[in-house]
């Protein structure tokens, strides 16, 4: 529900949601539509459509440079700089690195996406979101369908992720490895805890211990008050005191 509110797919019953302008949010979701003959690598490359189009235009212009004037040369230089800044020379290598990390082999790259098993589809969806140039990653149970080696790779990848991420997980190991803040939603309240899951549990234990002490102290006070009430409730001279 929190993820859906962040994405604008659901509205809160009260309060307001403030989103940073032009923030790029990537969420682990269903596979996009793709051509029946598309391979795993084709599907991943489609996420870089703008770079692919820019690369194609650069190749076309590059073939015409022999007869190019200054205007065309300037345009080519500007486009080349944009291509480089946006990772045009690394995006294929990065895509292969992520696919390898999530357990796909080079031979798997040519598998038809339509024929993938449920586990393979889940890993492909995870690859797509990890490769997005996002300011915020929203990951719901990303460790599903990963073997231990792939899970370790994912933890390293997320630990090195330079921007923000939110993760929902039942895997304490993953939470300990990649998080530095825990959000607890309990009894209609939200609390923030600094540190990983183990730190959260330690702080939570201290809070529960203090709450128990406060409760015991309150019950002790109530018991004393009740004894006074019981003692004086039937004495006319003390009735007002007991009522108070």
C-alpha atoms as a PDB file:
ATOM      1  CA  UNK A   1       0.000   0.000   0.000  1.00  0.00           C
ATOM      2  CA  UNK A   2       2.848   2.398   0.842  1.00  0.00           C
ATOM      3  CA  UNK A   3       4.453   1.664  -2.527  1.00  0.00           C
ATOM      4  CA  UNK A   4       1.155   2.254  -4.347  1.00  0.00           C
ATOM      5  CA  UNK A   5       0.748   5.603  -2.578  1.00  0.00           C
ATOM      6  CA  UNK A   6       4.313   6.625  -3.500  1.00  0.00           C
ATOM      7  CA  UNK A   7       3.643   5.684  -7.135  1.00  0.00           C
ATOM      8  CA  UNK A   8       0.354   7.608  -7.179  1.00  0.00           C
ATOM      9  CA  UNK A   9      -1.669   4.432  -7.776  1.00  0.00           C
ATOM     10  CA  UNK A  10      -3.553   4.904  -4.483  1.00  0.00           C
ATOM     11  CA  UNK A  11      -4.531   7.932  -2.429  1.00  0.00           C
ATOM     12  CA  UNK A  12      -4.232   8.104   1.358  1.00  0.00           C
ATOM     13  CA  UNK A  13      -7.435   8.380   3.404  1.00  0.00           C
ATOM     14  CA  UNK A  14      -6.008  11.452   5.144  1.00  0.00           C
ATOM     15  CA  UNK A  15      -2.939  13.638   4.991  1.00  0.00           C
ATOM     16  CA  UNK A  16      -0.966  14.593   1.913  1.00  0.00           C
ATOM     17  CA  UNK A  17       1.755  13.075  -0.238  1.00  0.00           C
ATOM     18  CA  UNK A  18       4.607  15.296  -1.372  1.00  0.00           C
ATOM     19  CA  UNK A  19       6.754  14.051  -4.231  1.00  0.00           C
ATOM     20  CA  UNK A  20      10.026  15.578  -5.373  1.00  0.00           C
ATOM     21  CA  UNK A  21       9.636  17.115  -8.792  1.00  0.00           C
ATOM     22  CA  UNK A  22      10.984  15.056 -11.659  1.00  0.00           C
ATOM     23  CA  UNK A  23      12.038  12.266  -9.320  1.00  0.00           C
ATOM     24  CA  UNK A  24      12.477   8.991 -11.205  1.00  0.00           C
ATOM     25  CA  UNK A  25      10.926   6.061  -9.355  1.00  0.00           C
ATOM     26  CA  UNK A  26      11.421   2.451 -10.437  1.00  0.00           C
ATOM     27  CA  UNK A  27       9.245  -0.311  -9.019  1.00  0.00           C
ATOM     28  CA  UNK A  28       9.467  -4.074  -9.336  1.00  0.00           C
ATOM     29  CA  UNK A  29       6.361  -4.874 -11.361  1.00  0.00           C
ATOM     30  CA  UNK A  30       5.027  -7.037 -14.163  1.00  0.00           C
ATOM     31  CA  UNK A  31       6.994  -7.677 -17.333  1.00  0.00           C
ATOM     32  CA  UNK A  32       6.214  -5.128 -20.056  1.00  0.00           C
ATOM     33  CA  UNK A  33       4.665  -6.180 -23.349  1.00  0.00           C
ATOM     34  CA  UNK A  34       7.202  -7.430 -25.866  1.00  0.00           C
ATOM     35  CA  UNK A  35       7.277  -9.146 -29.240  1.00  0.00           C
ATOM     36  CA  UNK A  36       6.708 -12.922 -29.208  1.00  0.00           C
ATOM     37  CA  UNK A  37      10.157 -13.564 -30.678  1.00  0.00           C
ATOM     38  CA  UNK A  38      11.944 -11.266 -28.202  1.00  0.00           C
ATOM     39  CA  UNK A  39      14.784 -12.827 -26.238  1.00  0.00           C
ATOM     40  CA  UNK A  40      15.783 -12.064 -22.652  1.00  0.00           C
ATOM     41  CA  UNK A  41      18.471  -9.697 -23.909  1.00  0.00           C
ATOM     42  CA  UNK A  42      16.027  -8.014 -26.316  1.00  0.00           C
ATOM     43  CA  UNK A  43      13.641  -7.283 -23.442  1.00  0.00           C
ATOM     44  CA  UNK A  44      16.439  -5.811 -21.343  1.00  0.00           C
ATOM     45  CA  UNK A  45      17.743  -3.717 -24.231  1.00  0.00           C
ATOM     46  CA  UNK A  46      14.269  -2.259 -24.806  1.00  0.00           C
ATOM     47  CA  UNK A  47      14.704  -0.491 -21.493  1.00  0.00           C
ATOM     48  CA  UNK A  48      17.499   1.474 -23.161  1.00  0.00           C
ATOM     49  CA  UNK A  49      15.395   2.454 -26.182  1.00  0.00           C
ATOM     50  CA  UNK A  50      16.409   6.133 -26.068  1.00  0.00           C
ATOM     51  CA  UNK A  51      20.104   5.229 -25.986  1.00  0.00           C
ATOM     52  CA  UNK A  52      19.649   2.723 -28.799  1.00  0.00           C
ATOM     53  CA  UNK A  53      17.908   5.346 -30.939  1.00  0.00           C
ATOM     54  CA  UNK A  54      20.661   7.847 -30.165  1.00  0.00           C
ATOM     55  CA  UNK A  55      23.303   5.266 -31.025  1.00  0.00           C
ATOM     56  CA  UNK A  56      21.591   4.542 -34.357  1.00  0.00           C
ATOM     57  CA  UNK A  57      21.411   8.254 -35.201  1.00  0.00           C
ATOM     58  CA  UNK A  58      25.088   8.666 -34.337  1.00  0.00           C
ATOM     59  CA  UNK A  59      25.998   5.792 -36.648  1.00  0.00           C
ATOM     60  CA  UNK A  60      24.002   7.344 -39.491  1.00  0.00           C
ATOM     61  CA  UNK A  61      25.602  10.750 -38.962  1.00  0.00           C
ATOM     62  CA  UNK A  62      29.033   9.158 -38.589  1.00  0.00           C
ATOM     63  CA  UNK A  63      28.738   7.634 -42.067  1.00  0.00           C
ATOM     64  CA  UNK A  64      28.058  11.121 -43.451  1.00  0.00           C
ATOM     65  CA  UNK A  65      30.909  12.953 -41.701  1.00  0.00           C
ATOM     66  CA  UNK A  66      33.059  12.972 -44.819  1.00  0.00           C
ATOM     67  CA  UNK A  67      30.694  15.468 -46.453  1.00  0.00           C
ATOM     68  CA  UNK A  68      29.530  17.161 -43.218  1.00  0.00           C
ATOM     69  CA  UNK A  69      29.583  20.921 -42.711  1.00  0.00           C
ATOM     70  CA  UNK A  70      30.294  22.719 -39.398  1.00  0.00           C
ATOM     71  CA  UNK A  71      26.659  22.592 -38.305  1.00  0.00           C
ATOM     72  CA  UNK A  72      26.476  18.842 -38.799  1.00  0.00           C
ATOM     73  CA  UNK A  73      29.827  18.367 -37.057  1.00  0.00           C
ATOM     74  CA  UNK A  74      28.644  20.407 -34.082  1.00  0.00           C
ATOM     75  CA  UNK A  75      25.431  18.393 -33.887  1.00  0.00           C
ATOM     76  CA  UNK A  76      27.373  15.135 -34.052  1.00  0.00           C
ATOM     77  CA  UNK A  77      29.735  16.281 -31.276  1.00  0.00           C
ATOM     78  CA  UNK A  78      26.842  17.328 -29.035  1.00  0.00           C
ATOM     79  CA  UNK A  79      25.040  14.028 -29.577  1.00  0.00           C
ATOM     80  CA  UNK A  80      28.228  12.066 -28.952  1.00  0.00           C
ATOM     81  CA  UNK A  81      28.775  13.888 -25.671  1.00  0.00           C
ATOM     82  CA  UNK A  82      25.185  13.184 -24.604  1.00  0.00           C
ATOM     83  CA  UNK A  83      25.607   9.527 -25.530  1.00  0.00           C
ATOM     84  CA  UNK A  84      28.743   9.271 -23.421  1.00  0.00           C
ATOM     85  CA  UNK A  85      27.289  11.104 -20.401  1.00  0.00           C
ATOM     86  CA  UNK A  86      24.205   8.874 -20.408  1.00  0.00           C
ATOM     87  CA  UNK A  87      26.329   5.723 -20.322  1.00  0.00           C
ATOM     88  CA  UNK A  88      26.170   4.852 -23.989  1.00  0.00           C
ATOM     89  CA  UNK A  89      29.444   2.956 -23.882  1.00  0.00           C
ATOM     90  CA  UNK A  90      28.560   0.956 -20.778  1.00  0.00           C
ATOM     91  CA  UNK A  91      24.860   0.080 -20.922  1.00  0.00           C
ATOM     92  CA  UNK A  92      25.289  -3.268 -22.690  1.00  0.00           C
ATOM     93  CA  UNK A  93      28.075  -4.299 -20.326  1.00  0.00           C
ATOM     94  CA  UNK A  94      25.997  -3.243 -17.321  1.00  0.00           C
ATOM     95  CA  UNK A  95      23.002  -5.193 -18.609  1.00  0.00           C
ATOM     96  CA  UNK A  96      25.074  -8.348 -19.004  1.00  0.00           C
ATOM     97  CA  UNK A  97      26.598  -7.856 -15.535  1.00  0.00           C
ATOM     98  CA  UNK A  98      23.162  -7.610 -13.901  1.00  0.00           C
ATOM     99  CA  UNK A  99      21.804 -10.614 -15.816  1.00  0.00           C
ATOM    100  CA  UNK A 100      24.860 -12.664 -14.856  1.00  0.00           C
ATOM    101  CA  UNK A 101      24.512 -11.572 -11.234  1.00  0.00           C
ATOM    102  CA  UNK A 102      20.896 -12.738 -11.133  1.00  0.00           C
ATOM    103  CA  UNK A 103      21.791 -16.183 -12.416  1.00  0.00           C
ATOM    104  CA  UNK A 104      21.397 -15.933 -16.198  1.00  0.00           C
ATOM    105  CA  UNK A 105      24.139 -17.457 -18.361  1.00  0.00           C
ATOM    106  CA  UNK A 106      25.269 -16.168 -21.748  1.00  0.00           C
ATOM    107  CA  UNK A 107      23.264 -18.942 -23.404  1.00  0.00           C
ATOM    108  CA  UNK A 108      20.171 -17.843 -21.453  1.00  0.00           C
ATOM    109  CA  UNK A 109      20.355 -14.387 -23.036  1.00  0.00           C
ATOM    110  CA  UNK A 110      18.918 -15.849 -26.253  1.00  0.00           C
ATOM    111  CA  UNK A 111      15.995 -17.636 -24.613  1.00  0.00           C
ATOM    112  CA  UNK A 112      12.596 -16.437 -25.781  1.00  0.00           C
ATOM    113  CA  UNK A 113      11.067 -14.361 -22.995  1.00  0.00           C
ATOM    114  CA  UNK A 114       7.615 -15.847 -23.617  1.00  0.00           C
ATOM    115  CA  UNK A 115       8.934 -19.324 -22.733  1.00  0.00           C
ATOM    116  CA  UNK A 116      10.482 -18.427 -19.363  1.00  0.00           C
ATOM    117  CA  UNK A 117       9.517 -20.184 -16.156  1.00  0.00           C
ATOM    118  CA  UNK A 118       7.944 -18.236 -13.314  1.00  0.00           C
ATOM    119  CA  UNK A 119      11.259 -17.961 -11.490  1.00  0.00           C
ATOM    120  CA  UNK A 120      13.081 -16.795 -14.618  1.00  0.00           C
ATOM    121  CA  UNK A 121      10.415 -14.163 -15.277  1.00  0.00           C
ATOM    122  CA  UNK A 122      10.762 -12.871 -11.713  1.00  0.00           C
ATOM    123  CA  UNK A 123      14.528 -12.580 -12.103  1.00  0.00           C
ATOM    124  CA  UNK A 124      14.123 -10.828 -15.457  1.00  0.00           C
ATOM    125  CA  UNK A 125      11.691  -8.306 -13.908  1.00  0.00           C
ATOM    126  CA  UNK A 126      14.223  -7.656 -11.153  1.00  0.00           C
ATOM    127  CA  UNK A 127      16.955  -7.107 -13.743  1.00  0.00           C
ATOM    128  CA  UNK A 128      14.787  -4.546 -15.557  1.00  0.00           C
ATOM    129  CA  UNK A 129      14.197  -2.470 -12.428  1.00  0.00           C
ATOM    130  CA  UNK A 130      17.838  -2.634 -11.299  1.00  0.00           C
ATOM    131  CA  UNK A 131      18.963  -1.317 -14.683  1.00  0.00           C
ATOM    132  CA  UNK A 132      16.709   1.731 -14.582  1.00  0.00           C
ATOM    133  CA  UNK A 133      18.373   5.077 -13.918  1.00  0.00           C
ATOM    134  CA  UNK A 134      16.130   5.828 -10.945  1.00  0.00           C
ATOM    135  CA  UNK A 135      16.346   8.170  -7.973  1.00  0.00           C
ATOM    136  CA  UNK A 136      14.320   5.715  -5.889  1.00  0.00           C
ATOM    137  CA  UNK A 137      14.049   1.946  -6.181  1.00  0.00           C
ATOM    138  CA  UNK A 138      10.947   0.260  -4.743  1.00  0.00           C
ATOM    139  CA  UNK A 139      11.630  -3.436  -4.245  1.00  0.00           C
ATOM    140  CA  UNK A 140       9.029  -5.866  -2.917  1.00  0.00           C
ATOM    141  CA  UNK A 141      10.553  -9.237  -1.942  1.00  0.00           C
ATOM    142  CA  UNK A 142      13.398  -8.937  -4.512  1.00  0.00           C
ATOM    143  CA  UNK A 143      15.170 -12.026  -3.138  1.00  0.00           C
ATOM    144  CA  UNK A 144      12.360 -14.323  -4.324  1.00  0.00           C
ATOM    145  CA  UNK A 145      13.526 -17.055  -6.744  1.00  0.00           C
ATOM    146  CA  UNK A 146      17.211 -16.263  -6.173  1.00  0.00           C
ATOM    147  CA  UNK A 147      19.747 -18.873  -5.135  1.00  0.00           C
ATOM    148  CA  UNK A 148      22.307 -18.012  -2.459  1.00  0.00           C
ATOM    149  CA  UNK A 149      24.935 -16.800  -4.940  1.00  0.00           C
ATOM    150  CA  UNK A 150      22.467 -14.500  -6.719  1.00  0.00           C
ATOM    151  CA  UNK A 151      21.129 -13.233  -3.395  1.00  0.00           C
ATOM    152  CA  UNK A 152      24.657 -12.343  -2.268  1.00  0.00           C
ATOM    153  CA  UNK A 153      25.229 -10.530  -5.570  1.00  0.00           C
ATOM    154  CA  UNK A 154      21.968  -8.591  -5.125  1.00  0.00           C
ATOM    155  CA  UNK A 155      22.938  -7.565  -1.600  1.00  0.00           C
ATOM    156  CA  UNK A 156      26.291  -6.232  -2.858  1.00  0.00           C
ATOM    157  CA  UNK A 157      24.553  -4.423  -5.734  1.00  0.00           C
ATOM    158  CA  UNK A 158      22.035  -2.740  -3.427  1.00  0.00           C
ATOM    159  CA  UNK A 159      24.698  -1.869  -0.847  1.00  0.00           C
ATOM    160  CA  UNK A 160      26.605  -0.010  -3.581  1.00  0.00           C
ATOM    161  CA  UNK A 161      23.438   1.608  -4.998  1.00  0.00           C
ATOM    162  CA  UNK A 162      24.256   5.358  -4.903  1.00  0.00           C
ATOM    163  CA  UNK A 163      20.693   6.658  -4.496  1.00  0.00           C
ATOM    164  CA  UNK A 164      17.662   5.767  -2.379  1.00  0.00           C
ATOM    165  CA  UNK A 165      15.839   2.475  -2.171  1.00  0.00           C
ATOM    166  CA  UNK A 166      12.923   1.072  -0.204  1.00  0.00           C
ATOM    167  CA  UNK A 167      12.674  -2.649   0.298  1.00  0.00           C
ATOM    168  CA  UNK A 168       9.914  -4.878   1.655  1.00  0.00           C
ATOM    169  CA  UNK A 169      11.313  -8.227   2.729  1.00  0.00           C
ATOM    170  CA  UNK A 170      10.824 -11.121   5.106  1.00  0.00           C
ATOM    171  CA  UNK A 171      14.491 -12.052   4.736  1.00  0.00           C
ATOM    172  CA  UNK A 172      16.359 -10.729   7.778  1.00  0.00           C
ATOM    173  CA  UNK A 173      19.698 -11.393   6.144  1.00  0.00           C
ATOM    174  CA  UNK A 174      18.840  -9.111   3.213  1.00  0.00           C
ATOM    175  CA  UNK A 175      17.508  -6.401   5.522  1.00  0.00           C
ATOM    176  CA  UNK A 176      20.666  -6.531   7.627  1.00  0.00           C
ATOM    177  CA  UNK A 177      22.880  -6.366   4.553  1.00  0.00           C
ATOM    178  CA  UNK A 178      21.329  -3.471   2.634  1.00  0.00           C
ATOM    179  CA  UNK A 179      19.306  -1.206   4.958  1.00  0.00           C
ATOM    180  CA  UNK A 180      20.224   1.646   7.264  1.00  0.00           C
ATOM    181  CA  UNK A 181      16.696   2.669   8.298  1.00  0.00           C
ATOM    182  CA  UNK A 182      13.715   0.547   9.267  1.00  0.00           C
ATOM    183  CA  UNK A 183      10.128   1.815   9.078  1.00  0.00           C
ATOM    184  CA  UNK A 184       7.727   0.145  11.472  1.00  0.00           C
ATOM    185  CA  UNK A 185       3.988   0.424  10.847  1.00  0.00           C
ATOM    186  CA  UNK A 186       2.118  -0.755  13.934  1.00  0.00           C
ATOM    187  CA  UNK A 187      -1.261   0.056  15.496  1.00  0.00           C
ATOM    188  CA  UNK A 188      -1.844   2.985  13.202  1.00  0.00           C
ATOM    189  CA  UNK A 189       1.531   4.585  13.938  1.00  0.00           C
ATOM    190  CA  UNK A 190       4.752   4.862  11.958  1.00  0.00           C
ATOM    191  CA  UNK A 191       8.156   4.807  13.651  1.00  0.00           C
ATOM    192  CA  UNK A 192      11.603   5.209  12.094  1.00  0.00           C
ATOM    193  CA  UNK A 193      14.623   3.332  13.425  1.00  0.00           C
ATOM    194  CA  UNK A 194      18.208   4.056  12.393  1.00  0.00           C
ATOM    195  CA  UNK A 195      20.298   1.017  11.517  1.00  0.00           C
ATOM    196  CA  UNK A 196      19.637  -2.400  10.016  1.00  0.00           C
ATOM    197  CA  UNK A 197      17.148  -5.041  11.090  1.00  0.00           C
ATOM    198  CA  UNK A 198      19.197  -6.294  14.051  1.00  0.00           C
ATOM    199  CA  UNK A 199      19.547  -2.720  15.323  1.00  0.00           C
ATOM    200  CA  UNK A 200      15.790  -2.269  14.926  1.00  0.00           C
ATOM    201  CA  UNK A 201      15.081  -5.405  16.950  1.00  0.00           C
ATOM    202  CA  UNK A 202      17.439  -4.285  19.713  1.00  0.00           C
ATOM    203  CA  UNK A 203      15.820  -0.831  19.878  1.00  0.00           C
ATOM    204  CA  UNK A 204      12.368  -2.379  19.727  1.00  0.00           C
ATOM    205  CA  UNK A 205      13.221  -4.619  22.698  1.00  0.00           C
ATOM    206  CA  UNK A 206      14.307  -1.573  24.722  1.00  0.00           C
ATOM    207  CA  UNK A 207      11.077   0.249  23.842  1.00  0.00           C
ATOM    208  CA  UNK A 208       8.955  -2.753  24.846  1.00  0.00           C
ATOM    209  CA  UNK A 209      10.910  -3.084  28.084  1.00  0.00           C
ATOM    210  CA  UNK A 210      10.311   0.585  28.896  1.00  0.00           C
ATOM    211  CA  UNK A 211       6.639   0.276  27.977  1.00  0.00           C
ATOM    212  CA  UNK A 212       6.330  -2.718  30.320  1.00  0.00           C
ATOM    213  CA  UNK A 213       7.971  -0.765  33.144  1.00  0.00           C
ATOM    214  CA  UNK A 214       5.628   2.174  32.527  1.00  0.00           C
ATOM    215  CA  UNK A 215       2.652  -0.182  32.512  1.00  0.00           C
ATOM    216  CA  UNK A 216       3.736  -1.903  35.735  1.00  0.00           C
ATOM    217  CA  UNK A 217       4.279   1.487  37.396  1.00  0.00           C
ATOM    218  CA  UNK A 218       0.856   2.653  36.208  1.00  0.00           C
ATOM    219  CA  UNK A 219      -0.824  -0.528  37.489  1.00  0.00           C
ATOM    220  CA  UNK A 220       0.894  -0.111  40.855  1.00  0.00           C
ATOM    221  CA  UNK A 221      -0.389   3.472  41.079  1.00  0.00           C
ATOM    222  CA  UNK A 222      -3.897   2.386  40.082  1.00  0.00           C
ATOM    223  CA  UNK A 223      -3.795  -0.329  42.761  1.00  0.00           C
ATOM    224  CA  UNK A 224      -2.916   2.184  45.480  1.00  0.00           C
ATOM    225  CA  UNK A 225      -5.662   4.529  44.344  1.00  0.00           C
ATOM    226  CA  UNK A 226      -8.175   1.691  44.309  1.00  0.00           C
ATOM    227  CA  UNK A 227      -7.291   0.727  47.883  1.00  0.00           C
ATOM    228  CA  UNK A 228      -7.908   4.315  49.025  1.00  0.00           C
ATOM    229  CA  UNK A 229     -11.228   4.417  47.192  1.00  0.00           C
ATOM    230  CA  UNK A 230     -12.318   1.113  48.698  1.00  0.00           C
ATOM    231  CA  UNK A 231     -11.272   2.265  52.150  1.00  0.00           C
ATOM    232  CA  UNK A 232     -13.128   5.584  52.164  1.00  0.00           C
ATOM    233  CA  UNK A 233     -16.029   5.180  49.742  1.00  0.00           C
ATOM    234  CA  UNK A 234     -18.541   4.369  52.500  1.00  0.00           C
ATOM    235  CA  UNK A 235     -17.436   7.083  54.944  1.00  0.00           C
ATOM    236  CA  UNK A 236     -19.591  10.173  54.589  1.00  0.00           C
ATOM    237  CA  UNK A 237     -16.755  12.486  55.581  1.00  0.00           C
ATOM    238  CA  UNK A 238     -14.485  10.999  52.912  1.00  0.00           C
ATOM    239  CA  UNK A 239     -17.043  10.390  50.148  1.00  0.00           C
ATOM    240  CA  UNK A 240     -16.012  13.480  48.176  1.00  0.00           C
ATOM    241  CA  UNK A 241     -12.362  12.432  48.417  1.00  0.00           C
ATOM    242  CA  UNK A 242     -13.145   8.907  47.253  1.00  0.00           C
ATOM    243  CA  UNK A 243     -15.297  10.223  44.376  1.00  0.00           C
ATOM    244  CA  UNK A 244     -12.486  12.541  43.287  1.00  0.00           C
END
